[in-house]
């Protein structure tokens, strides 16, 4: 079976799953965080090298305050837990990146993100990218602004700007081979529009907290059976 090097995952359906069980809708995010830990284990156990998880979009800032605060507390707790495992990440060569407009996050979450990235930046072999306060179009706009500033400063000539230059100025300079979205929706919702140009997409009806290893293996079988032609 062909194993993708880089998997993108859109974690959709947490609130709807909680509502189905008649509990507070944001309780589903807690279960979703626990499921992500399992998912990362499944990925790295089979040889996946990189995972990018779409955890919180820029549009999610419009969520009700109680839910937003609950989510930020989950991020704070999980980032603290990951930071406490910095030595373990160093041993197994896992680098953690947090991508997005991080300055929009609460101060504690922002600072923990920076500390975690600094603590793991030298690790090689595996990579976890957490897309928080992320938006794909916004990412491209930010890249264009940085390139324009460099052009103004004479660091780059307009004719030198190509796909490689743009990619290097994005928050994430890595293309997923496979993108999985749970929750039943069949759209990408502003997730890695530049990087996923030639990704294989799989949409799952199950909500994220109920996504199991058997579902993951089914996705991998589907991916492995596809012929990736990259436009050829």
Protein backbone atom coordinates (compact mmCIF):
# COMPACT_ATOMS: atom_id res chain seq x y z
CA UNK A 1 0.00 0.00 0.00
CA UNK A 2 1.29 3.45 -0.94
CA UNK A 3 1.67 5.68 2.13
CA UNK A 4 1.40 9.47 1.68
CA UNK A 5 4.33 11.44 3.05
CA UNK A 6 2.14 14.39 4.04
CA UNK A 7 -1.51 14.25 5.13
CA UNK A 8 -3.77 17.25 5.64
CA UNK A 9 -6.80 16.75 7.86
CA UNK A 10 -9.84 19.03 8.21
CA UNK A 11 -11.26 18.33 11.66
CA UNK A 12 -14.96 18.87 11.01
CA UNK A 13 -18.03 17.78 12.92
CA UNK A 14 -17.09 18.28 16.56
CA UNK A 15 -20.07 20.47 17.43
CA UNK A 16 -22.59 18.43 15.48
CA UNK A 17 -21.38 15.25 17.15
CA UNK A 18 -21.82 16.83 20.60
CA UNK A 19 -25.30 18.10 19.71
CA UNK A 20 -26.26 14.60 18.58
CA UNK A 21 -25.36 13.37 22.07
CA UNK A 22 -27.28 16.32 23.60
CA UNK A 23 -24.32 17.88 25.38
CA UNK A 24 -22.85 21.37 25.08
CA UNK A 25 -21.77 21.78 21.42
CA UNK A 26 -18.24 22.85 22.30
CA UNK A 27 -17.74 19.71 24.38
CA UNK A 28 -17.15 18.04 21.03
CA UNK A 29 -13.94 20.02 20.61
CA UNK A 30 -12.52 18.27 23.67
CA UNK A 31 -13.22 14.89 22.10
CA UNK A 32 -11.82 16.21 18.83
CA UNK A 33 -8.51 17.11 20.50
CA UNK A 34 -8.24 13.59 21.92
CA UNK A 35 -8.98 12.12 18.50
CA UNK A 36 -6.22 14.20 16.91
CA UNK A 37 -3.68 12.65 19.28
CA UNK A 38 -4.82 9.19 18.16
CA UNK A 39 -4.74 10.21 14.51
CA UNK A 40 -1.15 11.45 14.79
CA UNK A 41 -0.13 8.10 16.30
CA UNK A 42 -1.83 6.21 13.45
CA UNK A 43 -0.06 8.39 10.88
CA UNK A 44 3.44 8.12 12.27
CA UNK A 45 3.07 4.40 13.02
CA UNK A 46 2.58 3.66 9.30
CA UNK A 47 5.34 5.98 8.07
CA UNK A 48 3.63 9.30 7.36
CA UNK A 49 6.24 12.03 7.80
CA UNK A 50 4.07 15.14 8.08
CA UNK A 51 0.54 15.99 9.21
CA UNK A 52 -1.21 19.35 8.86
CA UNK A 53 -4.34 19.66 11.00
CA UNK A 54 -6.90 22.40 10.32
CA UNK A 55 -7.89 23.13 13.92
CA UNK A 56 -9.25 26.70 13.87
CA UNK A 57 -9.93 28.98 10.93
CA UNK A 58 -9.95 32.75 10.79
CA UNK A 59 -13.68 32.54 10.19
CA UNK A 60 -14.05 30.61 13.47
CA UNK A 61 -13.32 33.82 15.36
CA UNK A 62 -17.03 34.55 14.85
CA UNK A 63 -18.03 31.68 17.15
CA UNK A 64 -19.97 32.54 20.36
CA UNK A 65 -17.66 33.89 23.09
CA UNK A 66 -18.28 30.98 25.45
CA UNK A 67 -17.33 28.48 22.76
CA UNK A 68 -14.34 30.57 21.64
CA UNK A 69 -13.00 30.80 25.20
CA UNK A 70 -13.50 27.06 25.67
CA UNK A 71 -11.59 26.33 22.46
CA UNK A 72 -8.74 28.65 23.38
CA UNK A 73 -8.47 26.91 26.75
CA UNK A 74 -8.20 23.56 24.94
CA UNK A 75 -5.43 24.96 22.72
CA UNK A 76 -3.65 26.34 25.79
CA UNK A 77 -3.82 23.01 27.60
CA UNK A 78 -2.73 20.96 24.60
CA UNK A 79 0.16 23.30 23.76
CA UNK A 80 1.32 23.14 27.39
CA UNK A 81 1.18 19.35 27.25
CA UNK A 82 3.19 19.30 24.04
CA UNK A 83 5.75 21.71 25.43
CA UNK A 84 6.19 19.42 28.44
CA UNK A 85 7.06 16.64 25.97
CA UNK A 86 9.81 18.66 24.23
CA UNK A 87 12.47 16.11 25.21
CA UNK A 88 10.35 13.27 23.84
CA UNK A 89 9.83 15.16 20.58
CA UNK A 90 13.59 15.68 20.34
CA UNK A 91 14.21 11.94 20.75
CA UNK A 92 11.74 10.91 18.06
CA UNK A 93 12.60 13.84 15.76
CA UNK A 94 9.23 15.60 15.76
CA UNK A 95 9.02 19.26 14.81
CA UNK A 96 5.89 21.27 15.69
CA UNK A 97 4.77 24.26 13.65
CA UNK A 98 1.77 26.47 14.36
CA UNK A 99 0.63 28.35 11.26
CA UNK A 100 -1.83 31.19 10.78
CA UNK A 101 -2.32 34.76 11.95
CA UNK A 102 -1.04 33.85 15.37
CA UNK A 103 -1.01 37.45 16.61
CA UNK A 104 -4.83 37.25 16.69
CA UNK A 105 -4.75 34.51 19.33
CA UNK A 106 -4.95 35.18 23.08
CA UNK A 107 -1.56 36.15 24.52
CA UNK A 108 -1.01 32.87 26.39
CA UNK A 109 -1.85 30.74 23.35
CA UNK A 110 0.40 32.87 21.13
CA UNK A 111 3.34 32.67 23.53
CA UNK A 112 2.97 28.91 24.02
CA UNK A 113 2.92 28.47 20.23
CA UNK A 114 6.18 30.37 19.89
CA UNK A 115 7.84 28.45 22.74
CA UNK A 116 6.78 25.11 21.28
CA UNK A 117 8.08 25.99 17.81
CA UNK A 118 11.37 27.23 19.25
CA UNK A 119 11.76 24.09 21.37
CA UNK A 120 11.28 21.72 18.41
CA UNK A 121 12.65 23.70 15.45
CA UNK A 122 15.85 21.64 15.21
CA UNK A 123 14.07 18.27 15.19
CA UNK A 124 14.17 16.29 11.95
CA UNK A 125 12.13 13.37 10.65
CA UNK A 126 8.49 14.11 11.52
CA UNK A 127 6.48 17.29 11.41
CA UNK A 128 3.15 18.34 12.90
CA UNK A 129 1.60 21.55 11.55
CA UNK A 130 -1.27 22.99 13.56
CA UNK A 131 -3.32 25.43 11.48
CA UNK A 132 -4.79 27.82 14.06
CA UNK A 133 -6.22 31.23 13.11
CA UNK A 134 -5.53 29.97 9.59
CA UNK A 135 -6.99 30.97 6.25
CA UNK A 136 -5.59 29.90 2.90
CA UNK A 137 -6.45 33.02 0.92
CA UNK A 138 -5.12 35.16 3.75
CA UNK A 139 -1.91 33.13 3.70
CA UNK A 140 -1.43 33.90 -0.01
CA UNK A 141 -2.18 37.61 0.56
CA UNK A 142 0.45 37.73 3.32
CA UNK A 143 2.97 36.03 1.02
CA UNK A 144 2.29 38.56 -1.74
CA UNK A 145 2.83 41.43 0.71
CA UNK A 146 6.17 40.01 1.84
CA UNK A 147 7.33 39.49 -1.74
CA UNK A 148 6.23 43.04 -2.66
CA UNK A 149 8.25 44.46 0.25
CA UNK A 150 11.32 42.53 -0.87
CA UNK A 151 10.84 43.82 -4.42
CA UNK A 152 10.59 47.39 -3.11
CA UNK A 153 13.81 46.89 -1.16
CA UNK A 154 15.55 45.53 -4.25
CA UNK A 155 16.02 42.06 -2.77
CA UNK A 156 14.15 40.41 -5.64
CA UNK A 157 13.29 41.38 -9.19
CA UNK A 158 9.69 40.91 -10.41
CA UNK A 159 10.85 38.59 -13.19
CA UNK A 160 12.42 36.32 -10.57
CA UNK A 161 9.09 35.65 -8.87
CA UNK A 162 7.93 32.10 -9.61
CA UNK A 163 6.04 29.32 -7.83
CA UNK A 164 9.07 28.47 -5.72
CA UNK A 165 9.38 32.05 -4.47
CA UNK A 166 5.70 32.18 -3.55
CA UNK A 167 5.88 28.81 -1.76
CA UNK A 168 8.84 29.93 0.32
CA UNK A 169 6.89 32.96 1.55
CA UNK A 170 3.82 31.00 2.65
CA UNK A 171 3.21 29.98 6.25
CA UNK A 172 3.58 26.36 5.08
CA UNK A 173 6.07 25.44 2.37
CA UNK A 174 4.97 21.80 2.01
CA UNK A 175 2.32 20.14 -0.16
CA UNK A 176 0.02 17.42 1.23
CA UNK A 177 -0.32 14.26 -0.83
CA UNK A 178 -3.69 13.49 0.74
CA UNK A 179 -6.32 15.73 2.36
CA UNK A 180 -9.09 14.14 4.42
CA UNK A 181 -12.19 16.01 5.56
CA UNK A 182 -14.62 14.53 8.05
CA UNK A 183 -18.13 15.78 8.87
CA UNK A 184 -19.87 15.15 5.56
CA UNK A 185 -19.13 18.50 3.90
CA UNK A 186 -17.53 18.35 0.45
CA UNK A 187 -15.54 21.57 0.29
CA UNK A 188 -12.06 22.67 1.31
CA UNK A 189 -13.09 25.72 3.38
CA UNK A 190 -9.98 27.80 2.67
CA UNK A 191 -7.56 25.04 3.68
CA UNK A 192 -4.17 25.10 1.91
CA UNK A 193 -5.48 26.31 -1.50
CA UNK A 194 -1.96 26.80 -2.86
CA UNK A 195 -0.38 23.68 -1.38
CA UNK A 196 -3.23 21.27 -2.18
CA UNK A 197 -3.36 21.92 -5.93
CA UNK A 198 -2.42 18.30 -6.69
CA UNK A 199 -3.52 16.68 -3.44
CA UNK A 200 -5.91 13.76 -3.43
CA UNK A 201 -9.10 14.58 -1.50
CA UNK A 202 -11.26 12.21 0.50
CA UNK A 203 -14.50 13.34 2.16
CA UNK A 204 -15.90 11.30 5.04
CA UNK A 205 -19.48 11.46 6.37
CA UNK A 206 -18.44 10.58 9.93
CA UNK A 207 -17.92 13.40 12.41
CA UNK A 208 -14.32 13.94 13.52
CA UNK A 209 -14.69 12.53 17.09
CA UNK A 210 -16.12 9.27 15.68
CA UNK A 211 -13.44 8.81 13.00
CA UNK A 212 -11.73 5.49 13.75
CA UNK A 213 -8.56 3.73 12.63
CA UNK A 214 -10.58 1.50 10.28
CA UNK A 215 -11.84 4.67 8.56
CA UNK A 216 -8.27 5.92 8.28
CA UNK A 217 -7.09 2.65 6.75
CA UNK A 218 -9.97 2.82 4.26
CA UNK A 219 -8.82 6.31 3.26
CA UNK A 220 -5.27 5.04 2.78
CA UNK A 221 -6.52 2.14 0.63
CA UNK A 222 -8.50 4.61 -1.50
CA UNK A 223 -5.45 6.87 -1.84
CA UNK A 224 -3.18 3.95 -2.70
CA UNK A 225 -5.55 2.79 -5.45
CA UNK A 226 -5.51 6.15 -7.20
CA UNK A 227 -3.13 7.06 -9.99
CA UNK A 228 -1.54 10.45 -9.33
CA UNK A 229 -0.75 12.00 -12.71
CA UNK A 230 -0.05 15.62 -11.71
CA UNK A 231 -1.62 16.84 -14.95
CA UNK A 232 0.40 14.51 -17.15
